[in-house]
Amino acid sequence: MLMLQDLERGRPMEIDALVSAVQEFGRLTEKPTPTIDAVLAVVRRLAVERGCYE
């Protein structure tokens, strides 16, 4: 919920700490994370478009 509030308010988002970290754990344990990969791609794109992520 907090990431959505940040996005709606144009504030910097903690995408890497909250979503990228989960993706990285999957890679480290050699477990596929297709849902996280898709969510991360969509969230990053929205955030970049709205100026909340670099």
PDB file of N, CA and C in Angstrom:
ATOM      1  N   MET A   1       0.818  -1.192   0.000  1.00  0.00           N
ATOM      2  CA  MET A   1       0.000   0.000   0.000  1.00  0.00           C
ATOM      3  C   MET A   1       0.863   1.258   0.000  1.00  0.00           C
ATOM      4  N   LEU A   2       1.972   1.217   0.702  1.00  0.00           N
ATOM      5  CA  LEU A   2       2.807   2.408   0.755  1.00  0.00           C
ATOM      6  C   LEU A   2       3.409   2.768  -0.593  1.00  0.00           C
ATOM      7  N   MET A   3       3.777   1.767  -1.380  1.00  0.00           N
ATOM      8  CA  MET A   3       4.323   2.090  -2.698  1.00  0.00           C
ATOM      9  C   MET A   3       3.266   2.749  -3.568  1.00  0.00           C
ATOM     10  N   LEU A   4       2.038   2.307  -3.481  1.00  0.00           N
ATOM     11  CA  LEU A   4       0.950   2.923  -4.241  1.00  0.00           C
ATOM     12  C   LEU A   4       0.758   4.369  -3.802  1.00  0.00           C
ATOM     13  N   GLN A   5       0.799   4.607  -2.513  1.00  0.00           N
ATOM     14  CA  GLN A   5       0.654   5.976  -2.010  1.00  0.00           C
ATOM     15  C   GLN A   5       1.802   6.851  -2.494  1.00  0.00           C
ATOM     16  N   ASP A   6       3.019   6.319  -2.484  1.00  0.00           N
ATOM     17  CA  ASP A   6       4.164   7.080  -2.994  1.00  0.00           C
ATOM     18  C   ASP A   6       3.969   7.403  -4.473  1.00  0.00           C
ATOM     19  N   LEU A   7       3.540   6.426  -5.264  1.00  0.00           N
ATOM     20  CA  LEU A   7       3.316   6.637  -6.687  1.00  0.00           C
ATOM     21  C   LEU A   7       2.252   7.705  -6.918  1.00  0.00           C
ATOM     22  N   GLU A   8       1.147   7.606  -6.197  1.00  0.00           N
ATOM     23  CA  GLU A   8       0.051   8.566  -6.364  1.00  0.00           C
ATOM     24  C   GLU A   8       0.464   9.977  -5.961  1.00  0.00           C
ATOM     25  N   ARG A   9       1.371  10.083  -5.020  1.00  0.00           N
ATOM     26  CA  ARG A   9       1.798  11.400  -4.528  1.00  0.00           C
ATOM     27  C   ARG A   9       3.068  11.905  -5.186  1.00  0.00           C
ATOM     28  N   GLY A  10       3.619  11.116  -6.120  1.00  0.00           N
ATOM     29  CA  GLY A  10       4.816  11.542  -6.839  1.00  0.00           C
ATOM     30  C   GLY A  10       6.077  11.507  -6.011  1.00  0.00           C
ATOM     31  N   ARG A  11       6.083  10.684  -4.979  1.00  0.00           N
ATOM     32  CA  ARG A  11       7.252  10.587  -4.096  1.00  0.00           C
ATOM     33  C   ARG A  11       8.158   9.456  -4.569  1.00  0.00           C
ATOM     34  N   PRO A  12       9.445   9.529  -4.202  1.00  0.00           N
ATOM     35  CA  PRO A  12      10.359   8.438  -4.553  1.00  0.00           C
ATOM     36  C   PRO A  12       9.847   7.110  -3.995  1.00  0.00           C
ATOM     37  N   MET A  13      10.009   6.076  -4.790  1.00  0.00           N
ATOM     38  CA  MET A  13       9.502   4.762  -4.387  1.00  0.00           C
ATOM     39  C   MET A  13      10.652   3.844  -3.979  1.00  0.00           C
ATOM     40  N   GLU A  14      10.391   2.946  -3.055  1.00  0.00           N
ATOM     41  CA  GLU A  14      11.397   2.010  -2.564  1.00  0.00           C
ATOM     42  C   GLU A  14      11.296   0.684  -3.318  1.00  0.00           C
ATOM     43  N   ILE A  15      11.328   0.768  -4.623  1.00  0.00           N
ATOM     44  CA  ILE A  15      11.156  -0.411  -5.468  1.00  0.00           C
ATOM     45  C   ILE A  15      12.280  -1.414  -5.238  1.00  0.00           C
ATOM     46  N   ASP A  16      13.505  -0.937  -5.204  1.00  0.00           N
ATOM     47  CA  ASP A  16      14.625  -1.862  -5.073  1.00  0.00           C
ATOM     48  C   ASP A  16      14.609  -2.590  -3.736  1.00  0.00           C
ATOM     49  N   ALA A  17      14.325  -1.874  -2.668  1.00  0.00           N
ATOM     50  CA  ALA A  17      14.313  -2.497  -1.344  1.00  0.00           C
ATOM     51  C   ALA A  17      13.172  -3.488  -1.184  1.00  0.00           C
ATOM     52  N   LEU A  18      12.045  -3.223  -1.801  1.00  0.00           N
ATOM     53  CA  LEU A  18      10.863  -4.047  -1.576  1.00  0.00           C
ATOM     54  C   LEU A  18      10.636  -5.136  -2.627  1.00  0.00           C
ATOM     55  N   VAL A  19      10.942  -4.852  -3.869  1.00  0.00           N
ATOM     56  CA  VAL A  19      10.630  -5.813  -4.927  1.00  0.00           C
ATOM     57  C   VAL A  19      11.892  -6.407  -5.545  1.00  0.00           C
ATOM     58  N   SER A  20      12.863  -5.582  -5.845  1.00  0.00           N
ATOM     59  CA  SER A  20      14.097  -6.089  -6.452  1.00  0.00           C
ATOM     60  C   SER A  20      14.814  -7.059  -5.524  1.00  0.00           C
ATOM     61  N   ALA A  21      14.717  -6.821  -4.226  1.00  0.00           N
ATOM     62  CA  ALA A  21      15.358  -7.713  -3.256  1.00  0.00           C
ATOM     63  C   ALA A  21      14.780  -9.123  -3.348  1.00  0.00           C
ATOM     64  N   VAL A  22      13.479  -9.236  -3.513  1.00  0.00           N
ATOM     65  CA  VAL A  22      12.837 -10.548  -3.639  1.00  0.00           C
ATOM     66  C   VAL A  22      13.323 -11.236  -4.912  1.00  0.00           C
ATOM     67  N   GLN A  23      13.416 -10.487  -5.982  1.00  0.00           N
ATOM     68  CA  GLN A  23      13.913 -11.038  -7.246  1.00  0.00           C
ATOM     69  C   GLN A  23      15.349 -11.540  -7.069  1.00  0.00           C
ATOM     70  N   GLU A  24      16.165 -10.777  -6.387  1.00  0.00           N
ATOM     71  CA  GLU A  24      17.558 -11.168  -6.162  1.00  0.00           C
ATOM     72  C   GLU A  24      17.659 -12.439  -5.316  1.00  0.00           C
ATOM     73  N   PHE A  25      16.823 -12.566  -4.295  1.00  0.00           N
ATOM     74  CA  PHE A  25      16.820 -13.799  -3.499  1.00  0.00           C
ATOM     75  C   PHE A  25      16.474 -15.001  -4.368  1.00  0.00           C
ATOM     76  N   GLY A  26      15.546 -14.824  -5.277  1.00  0.00           N
ATOM     77  CA  GLY A  26      15.208 -15.896  -6.199  1.00  0.00           C
ATOM     78  C   GLY A  26      16.393 -16.296  -7.050  1.00  0.00           C
ATOM     79  N   ARG A  27      17.106 -15.322  -7.534  1.00  0.00           N
ATOM     80  CA  ARG A  27      18.285 -15.620  -8.353  1.00  0.00           C
ATOM     81  C   ARG A  27      19.358 -16.332  -7.533  1.00  0.00           C
ATOM     82  N   LEU A  28      19.579 -15.852  -6.305  1.00  0.00           N
ATOM     83  CA  LEU A  28      20.594 -16.462  -5.441  1.00  0.00           C
ATOM     84  C   LEU A  28      20.270 -17.913  -5.096  1.00  0.00           C
ATOM     85  N   THR A  29      18.998 -18.215  -4.973  1.00  0.00           N
ATOM     86  CA  THR A  29      18.580 -19.579  -4.627  1.00  0.00           C
ATOM     87  C   THR A  29      18.180 -20.388  -5.861  1.00  0.00           C
ATOM     88  N   GLU A  30      18.393 -19.796  -7.027  1.00  0.00           N
ATOM     89  CA  GLU A  30      18.078 -20.431  -8.306  1.00  0.00           C
ATOM     90  C   GLU A  30      16.608 -20.845  -8.410  1.00  0.00           C
ATOM     91  N   LYS A  31      15.736 -20.015  -7.892  1.00  0.00           N
ATOM     92  CA  LYS A  31      14.288 -20.228  -7.979  1.00  0.00           C
ATOM     93  C   LYS A  31      13.712 -19.207  -8.954  1.00  0.00           C
ATOM     94  N   PRO A  32      12.887 -19.630  -9.871  1.00  0.00           N
ATOM     95  CA  PRO A  32      12.266 -18.680 -10.800  1.00  0.00           C
ATOM     96  C   PRO A  32      11.278 -17.766 -10.072  1.00  0.00           C
ATOM     97  N   THR A  33      11.232 -16.533 -10.501  1.00  0.00           N
ATOM     98  CA  THR A  33      10.319 -15.546  -9.902  1.00  0.00           C
ATOM     99  C   THR A  33       9.546 -14.821 -10.999  1.00  0.00           C
ATOM    100  N   PRO A  34       8.803 -15.543 -11.812  1.00  0.00           N
ATOM    101  CA  PRO A  34       8.139 -14.900 -12.953  1.00  0.00           C
ATOM    102  C   PRO A  34       7.121 -13.841 -12.550  1.00  0.00           C
ATOM    103  N   THR A  35       6.409 -14.049 -11.467  1.00  0.00           N
ATOM    104  CA  THR A  35       5.416 -13.054 -11.049  1.00  0.00           C
ATOM    105  C   THR A  35       6.110 -11.796 -10.544  1.00  0.00           C
ATOM    106  N   ILE A  36       7.127 -11.963  -9.719  1.00  0.00           N
ATOM    107  CA  ILE A  36       7.891 -10.814  -9.226  1.00  0.00           C
ATOM    108  C   ILE A  36       8.542 -10.081 -10.392  1.00  0.00           C
ATOM    109  N   ASP A  37       9.074 -10.815 -11.358  1.00  0.00           N
ATOM    110  CA  ASP A  37       9.699 -10.184 -12.526  1.00  0.00           C
ATOM    111  C   ASP A  37       8.695  -9.301 -13.266  1.00  0.00           C
ATOM    112  N   ALA A  38       7.482  -9.801 -13.447  1.00  0.00           N
ATOM    113  CA  ALA A  38       6.445  -9.035 -14.145  1.00  0.00           C
ATOM    114  C   ALA A  38       6.016  -7.823 -13.332  1.00  0.00           C
ATOM    115  N   VAL A  39       5.798  -8.024 -12.036  1.00  0.00           N
ATOM    116  CA  VAL A  39       5.403  -6.910 -11.163  1.00  0.00           C
ATOM    117  C   VAL A  39       6.490  -5.845 -11.158  1.00  0.00           C
ATOM    118  N   LEU A  40       7.728  -6.258 -11.043  1.00  0.00           N
ATOM    119  CA  LEU A  40       8.841  -5.312 -11.020  1.00  0.00           C
ATOM    120  C   LEU A  40       8.899  -4.490 -12.301  1.00  0.00           C
ATOM    121  N   ALA A  41       8.726  -5.139 -13.437  1.00  0.00           N
ATOM    122  CA  ALA A  41       8.762  -4.425 -14.715  1.00  0.00           C
ATOM    123  C   ALA A  41       7.660  -3.377 -14.796  1.00  0.00           C
ATOM    124  N   VAL A  42       6.454  -3.746 -14.386  1.00  0.00           N
ATOM    125  CA  VAL A  42       5.320  -2.805 -14.451  1.00  0.00           C
ATOM    126  C   VAL A  42       5.510  -1.661 -13.465  1.00  0.00           C
ATOM    127  N   VAL A  43       5.913  -1.983 -12.251  1.00  0.00           N
ATOM    128  CA  VAL A  43       6.084  -0.945 -11.221  1.00  0.00           C
ATOM    129  C   VAL A  43       7.187   0.025 -11.617  1.00  0.00           C
ATOM    130  N   ARG A  44       8.301  -0.509 -12.112  1.00  0.00           N
ATOM    131  CA  ARG A  44       9.397   0.379 -12.538  1.00  0.00           C
ATOM    132  C   ARG A  44       8.940   1.303 -13.661  1.00  0.00           C
ATOM    133  N   ARG A  45       8.237   0.756 -14.629  1.00  0.00           N
ATOM    134  CA  ARG A  45       7.790   1.581 -15.764  1.00  0.00           C
ATOM    135  C   ARG A  45       6.860   2.700 -15.308  1.00  0.00           C
ATOM    136  N   LEU A  46       5.882   2.360 -14.480  1.00  0.00           N
ATOM    137  CA  LEU A  46       4.973   3.388 -13.955  1.00  0.00           C
ATOM    138  C   LEU A  46       5.728   4.447 -13.166  1.00  0.00           C
ATOM    139  N   ALA A  47       6.645   3.990 -12.342  1.00  0.00           N
ATOM    140  CA  ALA A  47       7.405   4.921 -11.506  1.00  0.00           C
ATOM    141  C   ALA A  47       8.272   5.848 -12.344  1.00  0.00           C
ATOM    142  N   VAL A  48       8.924   5.304 -13.359  1.00  0.00           N
ATOM    143  CA  VAL A  48       9.774   6.136 -14.234  1.00  0.00           C
ATOM    144  C   VAL A  48       8.894   7.149 -14.970  1.00  0.00           C
ATOM    145  N   GLU A  49       7.769   6.692 -15.509  1.00  0.00           N
ATOM    146  CA  GLU A  49       6.876   7.594 -16.241  1.00  0.00           C
ATOM    147  C   GLU A  49       6.380   8.731 -15.374  1.00  0.00           C
ATOM    148  N   ARG A  50       6.192   8.477 -14.101  1.00  0.00           N
ATOM    149  CA  ARG A  50       5.676   9.505 -13.184  1.00  0.00           C
ATOM    150  C   ARG A  50       6.768  10.229 -12.417  1.00  0.00           C
ATOM    151  N   GLY A  51       8.032   9.919 -12.729  1.00  0.00           N
ATOM    152  CA  GLY A  51       9.154  10.608 -12.112  1.00  0.00           C
ATOM    153  C   GLY A  51       9.410  10.201 -10.665  1.00  0.00           C
ATOM    154  N   CYS A  52       9.016   8.991 -10.306  1.00  0.00           N
ATOM    155  CA  CYS A  52       9.204   8.521  -8.925  1.00  0.00           C
ATOM    156  C   CYS A  52      10.361   7.541  -8.801  1.00  0.00           C
ATOM    157  N   TYR A  53      11.058   7.266  -9.900  1.00  0.00           N
ATOM    158  CA  TYR A  53      12.125   6.276  -9.887  1.00  0.00           C
ATOM    159  C   TYR A  53      13.084   6.614 -11.018  1.00  0.00           C
ATOM    160  N   GLU A  54      14.354   6.483 -10.756  1.00  0.00           N
ATOM    161  CA  GLU A  54      15.365   6.782 -11.772  1.00  0.00           C
ATOM    162  C   GLU A  54      15.999   5.535 -12.306  1.00  0.00           C
TER     163      GLU A  54
END
